[in-house]
Amino acid sequence: MLRWQWKRFPELTLEELYQVIALREQVFVVEQKSIYQDADGYDPKAHHLLGVQPGETAPWLAAYLRVLPPGTKFPEASFGRVVTSPRARRSGYGKALVEKGITFIEASYPGVAIRIGAQHYLQRFYEGYGFRQISDVYDEDGVPHIDMLRRSGV
C-alpha cells in the first residue's frame, strides 16, 4: 500500500528529490528515449505528489506527479510529469495519480480549469477524466503530444 504525500519543493528531502529525478529520468529520458532537460524551472513552484512504497530495505518512489498553480505554465492550473515506476506498473497508480492531482487542483484552485500537455497515445485515458483535446498533435522532445483541457466542475 502506497503512502501518498503532497510536498512543496522546499519540503522535499534530498533523498526524495533524488528519487523524483531518478524516476523521471528512468522513464522519460531512458525508457522513452527522449532527450530533454528535465530541470525546466517549474519544480520550485510546484506541488509534488509522491507515492512511496515501503520496501524490505528502504522505501522507494513508486508514483509521482507535480501540480503547477494557475499562471505558472498556462493560465489554467496544470499537472504533469505523471510517472509510475516500471516495477509498479499495472498497479492502478497512474489512475490514482491523476485522480489525486485533479482533486488537489479543484480543492486548491476552485473554479479553475486544468490544462495538460499529454502524450498523444494517452488521449483516451485523459478523456476518461473529462479532458478534451484543444491542440493539434505536436512534437515535444521526440514524443507526440497534445494539449488537453478539463473545465471546472466536470
N, C-alpha and C. Protein backbone atom coordinates (compact mmCIF):
# COMPACT_ATOMS: atom_id res chain seq x y z
N MET A 1 0.85 -1.19 0.00
CA MET A 1 0.00 0.00 0.00
C MET A 1 0.89 1.25 0.00
N LEU A 2 0.61 2.14 -0.92
CA LEU A 2 1.41 3.36 -1.02
C LEU A 2 1.06 4.35 0.07
N ARG A 3 2.06 5.11 0.46
CA ARG A 3 1.86 6.27 1.33
C ARG A 3 1.94 7.49 0.43
N TRP A 4 0.84 8.21 0.29
CA TRP A 4 0.77 9.39 -0.58
C TRP A 4 1.12 10.62 0.23
N GLN A 5 1.97 11.48 -0.34
CA GLN A 5 2.39 12.71 0.32
C GLN A 5 2.42 13.86 -0.67
N TRP A 6 1.81 14.98 -0.29
CA TRP A 6 1.95 16.22 -1.05
C TRP A 6 3.03 17.04 -0.38
N LYS A 7 3.95 17.59 -1.18
CA LYS A 7 5.01 18.42 -0.64
C LYS A 7 5.29 19.58 -1.60
N ARG A 8 5.65 20.70 -1.01
CA ARG A 8 6.20 21.81 -1.80
C ARG A 8 7.68 21.53 -2.00
N PHE A 9 8.29 22.21 -2.93
CA PHE A 9 9.69 21.95 -3.26
C PHE A 9 10.62 22.05 -2.04
N PRO A 10 10.51 23.10 -1.22
CA PRO A 10 11.43 23.20 -0.07
C PRO A 10 11.22 22.09 0.97
N GLU A 11 10.06 21.43 0.92
CA GLU A 11 9.78 20.36 1.88
C GLU A 11 10.36 19.01 1.46
N LEU A 12 10.75 18.88 0.20
CA LEU A 12 11.34 17.63 -0.27
C LEU A 12 12.71 17.42 0.39
N THR A 13 12.94 16.22 0.90
CA THR A 13 14.27 15.92 1.40
C THR A 13 15.19 15.70 0.21
N LEU A 14 16.48 15.71 0.46
CA LEU A 14 17.42 15.44 -0.63
C LEU A 14 17.19 14.05 -1.20
N GLU A 15 16.92 13.07 -0.35
CA GLU A 15 16.66 11.70 -0.81
C GLU A 15 15.40 11.66 -1.68
N GLU A 16 14.34 12.35 -1.26
CA GLU A 16 13.11 12.38 -2.07
C GLU A 16 13.34 13.05 -3.41
N LEU A 17 14.04 14.18 -3.41
CA LEU A 17 14.32 14.88 -4.66
C LEU A 17 15.15 13.98 -5.59
N TYR A 18 16.13 13.29 -5.04
CA TYR A 18 16.94 12.38 -5.84
C TYR A 18 16.07 11.28 -6.45
N GLN A 19 15.17 10.70 -5.66
CA GLN A 19 14.28 9.65 -6.17
C GLN A 19 13.36 10.18 -7.26
N VAL A 20 12.85 11.40 -7.11
CA VAL A 20 11.99 12.01 -8.12
C VAL A 20 12.76 12.18 -9.44
N ILE A 21 13.94 12.76 -9.35
CA ILE A 21 14.74 12.99 -10.55
C ILE A 21 15.11 11.65 -11.20
N ALA A 22 15.52 10.69 -10.39
CA ALA A 22 15.92 9.39 -10.93
C ALA A 22 14.75 8.70 -11.64
N LEU A 23 13.55 8.75 -11.05
CA LEU A 23 12.39 8.10 -11.67
C LEU A 23 12.00 8.81 -12.96
N ARG A 24 11.97 10.13 -12.94
CA ARG A 24 11.61 10.87 -14.16
C ARG A 24 12.62 10.59 -15.27
N GLU A 25 13.91 10.58 -14.95
CA GLU A 25 14.91 10.28 -15.97
C GLU A 25 14.80 8.85 -16.47
N GLN A 26 14.58 7.89 -15.55
CA GLN A 26 14.48 6.48 -15.92
C GLN A 26 13.38 6.27 -16.96
N VAL A 27 12.22 6.91 -16.73
CA VAL A 27 11.08 6.69 -17.62
C VAL A 27 11.10 7.63 -18.82
N PHE A 28 11.18 8.91 -18.59
CA PHE A 28 11.01 9.87 -19.68
C PHE A 28 12.24 9.99 -20.58
N VAL A 29 13.44 9.86 -20.03
CA VAL A 29 14.64 10.02 -20.84
C VAL A 29 15.14 8.67 -21.36
N VAL A 30 15.37 7.72 -20.46
CA VAL A 30 15.96 6.45 -20.86
C VAL A 30 14.93 5.54 -21.52
N GLU A 31 13.85 5.22 -20.82
CA GLU A 31 12.86 4.27 -21.36
C GLU A 31 12.20 4.79 -22.62
N GLN A 32 11.81 6.07 -22.62
CA GLN A 32 11.11 6.63 -23.78
C GLN A 32 12.07 7.23 -24.80
N LYS A 33 13.35 7.14 -24.53
CA LYS A 33 14.40 7.62 -25.45
C LYS A 33 14.15 9.06 -25.91
N SER A 34 13.84 9.91 -24.94
CA SER A 34 13.55 11.31 -25.22
C SER A 34 14.60 12.17 -24.52
N ILE A 35 15.45 12.76 -25.32
CA ILE A 35 16.50 13.60 -24.74
C ILE A 35 15.94 15.01 -24.54
N TYR A 36 15.83 15.39 -23.29
CA TYR A 36 15.31 16.71 -22.96
C TYR A 36 15.84 17.12 -21.60
N GLN A 37 15.73 18.40 -21.29
CA GLN A 37 16.17 18.89 -20.00
C GLN A 37 15.00 18.81 -19.02
N ASP A 38 15.11 17.90 -18.08
CA ASP A 38 14.04 17.70 -17.10
C ASP A 38 13.94 18.89 -16.14
N ALA A 39 15.06 19.48 -15.80
CA ALA A 39 15.07 20.64 -14.91
C ALA A 39 14.60 21.86 -15.69
N ASP A 40 13.28 22.05 -15.72
CA ASP A 40 12.67 23.08 -16.56
C ASP A 40 12.31 24.37 -15.82
N GLY A 41 12.67 24.45 -14.56
CA GLY A 41 12.40 25.66 -13.78
C GLY A 41 11.06 25.67 -13.07
N TYR A 42 10.21 24.68 -13.32
CA TYR A 42 8.88 24.66 -12.70
C TYR A 42 8.83 23.94 -11.35
N ASP A 43 9.78 23.06 -11.08
CA ASP A 43 9.73 22.30 -9.82
C ASP A 43 9.66 23.18 -8.57
N PRO A 44 10.44 24.27 -8.48
CA PRO A 44 10.36 25.09 -7.27
C PRO A 44 8.98 25.72 -7.02
N LYS A 45 8.17 25.84 -8.08
CA LYS A 45 6.84 26.46 -7.95
C LYS A 45 5.74 25.42 -7.78
N ALA A 46 6.09 24.14 -7.89
CA ALA A 46 5.10 23.06 -7.97
C ALA A 46 4.75 22.47 -6.61
N HIS A 47 3.62 21.79 -6.61
CA HIS A 47 3.23 20.89 -5.53
C HIS A 47 3.57 19.49 -6.05
N HIS A 48 4.25 18.70 -5.24
CA HIS A 48 4.74 17.39 -5.67
C HIS A 48 3.99 16.30 -4.92
N LEU A 49 3.45 15.35 -5.67
CA LEU A 49 2.77 14.20 -5.08
C LEU A 49 3.67 12.98 -5.22
N LEU A 50 4.03 12.41 -4.09
CA LEU A 50 4.88 11.23 -4.05
C LEU A 50 4.08 10.05 -3.54
N GLY A 51 4.13 8.97 -4.26
CA GLY A 51 3.55 7.70 -3.83
C GLY A 51 4.68 6.78 -3.44
N VAL A 52 4.88 6.62 -2.14
CA VAL A 52 6.04 5.89 -1.63
C VAL A 52 5.61 4.49 -1.20
N GLN A 53 6.36 3.51 -1.67
CA GLN A 53 6.12 2.10 -1.36
C GLN A 53 7.09 1.66 -0.28
N PRO A 54 6.58 1.07 0.81
CA PRO A 54 7.53 0.52 1.79
C PRO A 54 8.34 -0.59 1.13
N GLY A 55 9.59 -0.68 1.47
CA GLY A 55 10.44 -1.73 0.90
C GLY A 55 11.08 -2.56 1.98
N GLU A 56 11.66 -3.67 1.57
CA GLU A 56 12.31 -4.54 2.55
C GLU A 56 13.50 -3.85 3.20
N THR A 57 14.26 -3.10 2.40
CA THR A 57 15.43 -2.40 2.94
C THR A 57 15.20 -0.90 3.09
N ALA A 58 14.42 -0.33 2.18
CA ALA A 58 14.15 1.11 2.22
C ALA A 58 12.90 1.41 1.39
N PRO A 59 12.16 2.45 1.76
CA PRO A 59 11.02 2.84 0.93
C PRO A 59 11.50 3.33 -0.43
N TRP A 60 10.65 3.18 -1.46
CA TRP A 60 11.02 3.61 -2.80
C TRP A 60 9.85 4.32 -3.47
N LEU A 61 10.18 5.20 -4.40
CA LEU A 61 9.18 6.01 -5.08
C LEU A 61 8.52 5.20 -6.19
N ALA A 62 7.25 4.89 -6.02
CA ALA A 62 6.50 4.09 -6.99
C ALA A 62 5.71 4.94 -7.96
N ALA A 63 5.33 6.16 -7.55
CA ALA A 63 4.49 7.02 -8.40
C ALA A 63 4.75 8.48 -8.06
N TYR A 64 4.61 9.33 -9.08
CA TYR A 64 4.91 10.75 -8.88
C TYR A 64 4.12 11.60 -9.88
N LEU A 65 3.78 12.81 -9.44
CA LEU A 65 3.11 13.81 -10.29
C LEU A 65 3.41 15.17 -9.68
N ARG A 66 3.44 16.20 -10.53
CA ARG A 66 3.56 17.56 -9.99
C ARG A 66 2.41 18.40 -10.49
N VAL A 67 1.96 19.33 -9.66
CA VAL A 67 0.89 20.27 -9.98
C VAL A 67 1.49 21.67 -10.06
N LEU A 68 1.14 22.38 -11.12
CA LEU A 68 1.57 23.77 -11.29
C LEU A 68 0.37 24.68 -11.08
N PRO A 69 0.52 25.69 -10.21
CA PRO A 69 -0.57 26.63 -9.98
C PRO A 69 -0.95 27.39 -11.25
N PRO A 70 -2.17 27.92 -11.30
CA PRO A 70 -2.57 28.74 -12.46
C PRO A 70 -1.56 29.87 -12.67
N GLY A 71 -1.28 30.16 -13.94
CA GLY A 71 -0.37 31.25 -14.27
C GLY A 71 1.09 30.86 -14.24
N THR A 72 1.40 29.61 -13.93
CA THR A 72 2.80 29.17 -13.89
C THR A 72 3.27 28.77 -15.28
N LYS A 73 2.63 27.80 -15.88
CA LYS A 73 2.96 27.36 -17.23
C LYS A 73 1.87 27.77 -18.21
N PHE A 74 0.63 27.66 -17.75
CA PHE A 74 -0.56 28.01 -18.52
C PHE A 74 -1.40 28.97 -17.67
N PRO A 75 -2.36 29.67 -18.28
CA PRO A 75 -3.28 30.47 -17.46
C PRO A 75 -4.05 29.58 -16.47
N GLU A 76 -4.31 28.34 -16.88
CA GLU A 76 -5.03 27.39 -16.04
C GLU A 76 -4.04 26.68 -15.12
N ALA A 77 -4.56 25.94 -14.14
CA ALA A 77 -3.72 25.04 -13.36
C ALA A 77 -3.30 23.89 -14.26
N SER A 78 -2.28 23.18 -13.86
CA SER A 78 -1.78 22.09 -14.69
C SER A 78 -1.16 21.01 -13.82
N PHE A 79 -1.11 19.81 -14.36
CA PHE A 79 -0.28 18.78 -13.74
C PHE A 79 0.51 18.08 -14.84
N GLY A 80 1.61 17.49 -14.43
CA GLY A 80 2.46 16.82 -15.40
C GLY A 80 3.49 15.96 -14.71
N ARG A 81 4.44 15.48 -15.52
CA ARG A 81 5.47 14.56 -15.04
C ARG A 81 4.80 13.38 -14.31
N VAL A 82 3.67 12.94 -14.86
CA VAL A 82 2.92 11.82 -14.29
C VAL A 82 3.68 10.55 -14.61
N VAL A 83 4.16 9.85 -13.58
CA VAL A 83 5.02 8.71 -13.83
C VAL A 83 4.85 7.64 -12.76
N THR A 84 4.85 6.40 -13.23
CA THR A 84 4.82 5.23 -12.35
C THR A 84 6.10 4.45 -12.59
N SER A 85 6.71 4.00 -11.53
CA SER A 85 7.91 3.19 -11.64
C SER A 85 7.64 1.93 -12.46
N PRO A 86 8.58 1.53 -13.32
CA PRO A 86 8.37 0.30 -14.08
C PRO A 86 8.04 -0.91 -13.20
N ARG A 87 8.59 -0.97 -12.00
CA ARG A 87 8.30 -2.12 -11.14
C ARG A 87 6.96 -2.02 -10.43
N ALA A 88 6.24 -0.92 -10.66
CA ALA A 88 4.91 -0.75 -10.05
C ALA A 88 3.81 -0.61 -11.11
N ARG A 89 4.14 -0.91 -12.36
CA ARG A 89 3.16 -0.76 -13.44
C ARG A 89 2.02 -1.76 -13.28
N ARG A 90 0.88 -1.41 -13.86
CA ARG A 90 -0.34 -2.21 -13.81
C ARG A 90 -0.88 -2.36 -12.39
N SER A 91 -0.55 -1.38 -11.56
CA SER A 91 -0.99 -1.39 -10.17
C SER A 91 -2.17 -0.45 -9.94
N GLY A 92 -2.50 0.35 -10.96
CA GLY A 92 -3.55 1.36 -10.80
C GLY A 92 -3.03 2.68 -10.26
N TYR A 93 -1.72 2.78 -10.06
CA TYR A 93 -1.16 4.01 -9.51
C TYR A 93 -1.27 5.19 -10.47
N GLY A 94 -1.23 4.93 -11.77
CA GLY A 94 -1.39 6.03 -12.74
C GLY A 94 -2.75 6.68 -12.61
N LYS A 95 -3.78 5.86 -12.48
CA LYS A 95 -5.13 6.39 -12.28
C LYS A 95 -5.23 7.15 -10.96
N ALA A 96 -4.63 6.57 -9.92
CA ALA A 96 -4.66 7.24 -8.61
C ALA A 96 -3.95 8.59 -8.68
N LEU A 97 -2.83 8.66 -9.39
CA LEU A 97 -2.12 9.93 -9.53
C LEU A 97 -3.01 11.00 -10.16
N VAL A 98 -3.65 10.67 -11.27
CA VAL A 98 -4.50 11.63 -11.97
C VAL A 98 -5.67 12.05 -11.09
N GLU A 99 -6.31 11.11 -10.45
CA GLU A 99 -7.45 11.43 -9.57
C GLU A 99 -7.01 12.34 -8.43
N LYS A 100 -5.89 12.03 -7.82
CA LYS A 100 -5.39 12.86 -6.71
C LYS A 100 -4.96 14.24 -7.21
N GLY A 101 -4.38 14.30 -8.40
CA GLY A 101 -4.00 15.59 -8.97
C GLY A 101 -5.20 16.47 -9.24
N ILE A 102 -6.24 15.90 -9.84
CA ILE A 102 -7.47 16.65 -10.12
C ILE A 102 -8.12 17.12 -8.82
N THR A 103 -8.22 16.22 -7.85
CA THR A 103 -8.84 16.56 -6.56
C THR A 103 -8.07 17.69 -5.88
N PHE A 104 -6.75 17.62 -5.91
CA PHE A 104 -5.92 18.66 -5.30
C PHE A 104 -6.15 20.00 -5.97
N ILE A 105 -6.15 20.02 -7.30
CA ILE A 105 -6.35 21.27 -8.03
C ILE A 105 -7.73 21.85 -7.74
N GLU A 106 -8.76 21.01 -7.77
CA GLU A 106 -10.12 21.50 -7.51
C GLU A 106 -10.25 22.08 -6.10
N ALA A 107 -9.57 21.48 -5.13
CA ALA A 107 -9.63 21.99 -3.75
C ALA A 107 -8.79 23.25 -3.57
N SER A 108 -7.65 23.30 -4.24
CA SER A 108 -6.72 24.43 -4.08
C SER A 108 -7.07 25.64 -4.93
N TYR A 109 -7.68 25.39 -6.10
CA TYR A 109 -7.98 26.47 -7.05
C TYR A 109 -9.40 26.30 -7.57
N PRO A 110 -10.39 26.50 -6.71
CA PRO A 110 -11.79 26.27 -7.12
C PRO A 110 -12.16 27.10 -8.34
N GLY A 111 -12.87 26.46 -9.25
CA GLY A 111 -13.38 27.15 -10.43
C GLY A 111 -12.37 27.31 -11.55
N VAL A 112 -11.15 26.81 -11.37
CA VAL A 112 -10.10 26.96 -12.37
C VAL A 112 -10.04 25.70 -13.24
N ALA A 113 -9.92 25.90 -14.54
CA ALA A 113 -9.76 24.77 -15.46
C ALA A 113 -8.36 24.17 -15.31
N ILE A 114 -8.20 22.97 -15.86
CA ILE A 114 -6.91 22.28 -15.82
C ILE A 114 -6.46 22.03 -17.26
N ARG A 115 -5.24 22.45 -17.58
CA ARG A 115 -4.66 22.20 -18.90
C ARG A 115 -3.44 21.31 -18.73
N ILE A 116 -3.33 20.33 -19.60
CA ILE A 116 -2.17 19.44 -19.57
C ILE A 116 -1.59 19.30 -20.97
N GLY A 117 -0.31 19.01 -21.04
CA GLY A 117 0.34 18.60 -22.27
C GLY A 117 0.51 17.09 -22.15
N ALA A 118 -0.30 16.34 -22.86
CA ALA A 118 -0.35 14.88 -22.70
C ALA A 118 0.33 14.18 -23.87
N GLN A 119 0.98 13.07 -23.56
CA GLN A 119 1.48 12.24 -24.65
C GLN A 119 0.27 11.76 -25.44
N HIS A 120 0.36 11.88 -26.76
CA HIS A 120 -0.79 11.63 -27.62
C HIS A 120 -1.42 10.26 -27.41
N TYR A 121 -0.63 9.25 -27.16
CA TYR A 121 -1.19 7.90 -27.00
C TYR A 121 -2.06 7.78 -25.74
N LEU A 122 -1.97 8.75 -24.84
CA LEU A 122 -2.77 8.73 -23.61
C LEU A 122 -4.06 9.55 -23.73
N GLN A 123 -4.40 9.98 -24.92
CA GLN A 123 -5.58 10.82 -25.12
C GLN A 123 -6.84 10.20 -24.52
N ARG A 124 -7.13 8.95 -24.84
CA ARG A 124 -8.35 8.32 -24.33
C ARG A 124 -8.34 8.19 -22.82
N PHE A 125 -7.17 7.89 -22.27
CA PHE A 125 -7.03 7.79 -20.81
C PHE A 125 -7.48 9.10 -20.16
N TYR A 126 -6.96 10.24 -20.64
CA TYR A 126 -7.30 11.53 -20.05
C TYR A 126 -8.74 11.95 -20.39
N GLU A 127 -9.26 11.54 -21.54
CA GLU A 127 -10.66 11.83 -21.85
C GLU A 127 -11.58 11.20 -20.81
N GLY A 128 -11.17 10.08 -20.25
CA GLY A 128 -11.94 9.43 -19.20
C GLY A 128 -12.06 10.26 -17.93
N TYR A 129 -11.24 11.29 -17.82
CA TYR A 129 -11.28 12.21 -16.67
C TYR A 129 -11.85 13.57 -17.06
N GLY A 130 -12.47 13.64 -18.23
CA GLY A 130 -13.12 14.88 -18.64
C GLY A 130 -12.25 15.84 -19.43
N PHE A 131 -11.05 15.43 -19.80
CA PHE A 131 -10.18 16.28 -20.62
C PHE A 131 -10.57 16.17 -22.08
N ARG A 132 -10.44 17.28 -22.81
CA ARG A 132 -10.72 17.31 -24.24
C ARG A 132 -9.51 17.91 -24.97
N GLN A 133 -9.21 17.36 -26.13
CA GLN A 133 -8.10 17.83 -26.94
C GLN A 133 -8.36 19.25 -27.41
N ILE A 134 -7.35 20.13 -27.25
CA ILE A 134 -7.51 21.52 -27.68
C ILE A 134 -6.38 21.97 -28.62
N SER A 135 -5.53 21.03 -29.03
CA SER A 135 -4.46 21.40 -29.97
C SER A 135 -4.26 20.28 -30.97
N ASP A 136 -3.56 20.59 -32.03
CA ASP A 136 -3.11 19.56 -32.94
C ASP A 136 -1.99 18.78 -32.26
N VAL A 137 -1.65 17.64 -32.82
CA VAL A 137 -0.52 16.86 -32.31
C VAL A 137 0.76 17.64 -32.60
N TYR A 138 1.63 17.72 -31.62
CA TYR A 138 2.91 18.39 -31.80
C TYR A 138 4.03 17.54 -31.21
N ASP A 139 5.23 17.77 -31.68
CA ASP A 139 6.39 17.05 -31.19
C ASP A 139 6.97 17.79 -30.00
N GLU A 140 7.11 17.07 -28.90
CA GLU A 140 7.80 17.63 -27.74
C GLU A 140 8.91 16.65 -27.37
N ASP A 141 10.11 17.03 -27.67
CA ASP A 141 11.29 16.22 -27.36
C ASP A 141 11.22 14.83 -27.98
N GLY A 142 10.70 14.76 -29.20
CA GLY A 142 10.65 13.50 -29.93
C GLY A 142 9.45 12.62 -29.60
N VAL A 143 8.51 13.13 -28.80
CA VAL A 143 7.33 12.36 -28.41
C VAL A 143 6.08 13.15 -28.84
N PRO A 144 5.15 12.53 -29.59
CA PRO A 144 3.92 13.23 -29.98
C PRO A 144 3.08 13.59 -28.76
N HIS A 145 2.69 14.85 -28.67
CA HIS A 145 1.88 15.38 -27.56
C HIS A 145 0.66 16.12 -28.09
N ILE A 146 -0.31 16.32 -27.23
CA ILE A 146 -1.45 17.20 -27.48
C ILE A 146 -1.74 17.98 -26.20
N ASP A 147 -2.29 19.17 -26.34
CA ASP A 147 -2.77 19.91 -25.19
C ASP A 147 -4.22 19.50 -24.96
N MET A 148 -4.55 19.35 -23.68
CA MET A 148 -5.91 18.94 -23.31
C MET A 148 -6.39 19.85 -22.18
N LEU A 149 -7.71 20.07 -22.14
CA LEU A 149 -8.31 20.97 -21.16
C LEU A 149 -9.46 20.28 -20.48
N ARG A 150 -9.55 20.48 -19.18
CA ARG A 150 -10.67 19.99 -18.37
C ARG A 150 -11.29 21.20 -17.71
N ARG A 151 -12.51 21.48 -18.07
CA ARG A 151 -13.21 22.63 -17.49
C ARG A 151 -13.54 22.36 -16.02
N SER A 152 -13.66 23.42 -15.27
CA SER A 152 -14.02 23.31 -13.86
C SER A 152 -15.41 22.71 -13.71
N GLY A 153 -15.58 21.85 -12.72
CA GLY A 153 -16.89 21.28 -12.43
C GLY A 153 -17.26 20.08 -13.27
N VAL A 154 -16.31 19.53 -14.03
CA VAL A 154 -16.61 18.37 -14.89
C VAL A 154 -16.68 17.12 -14.04
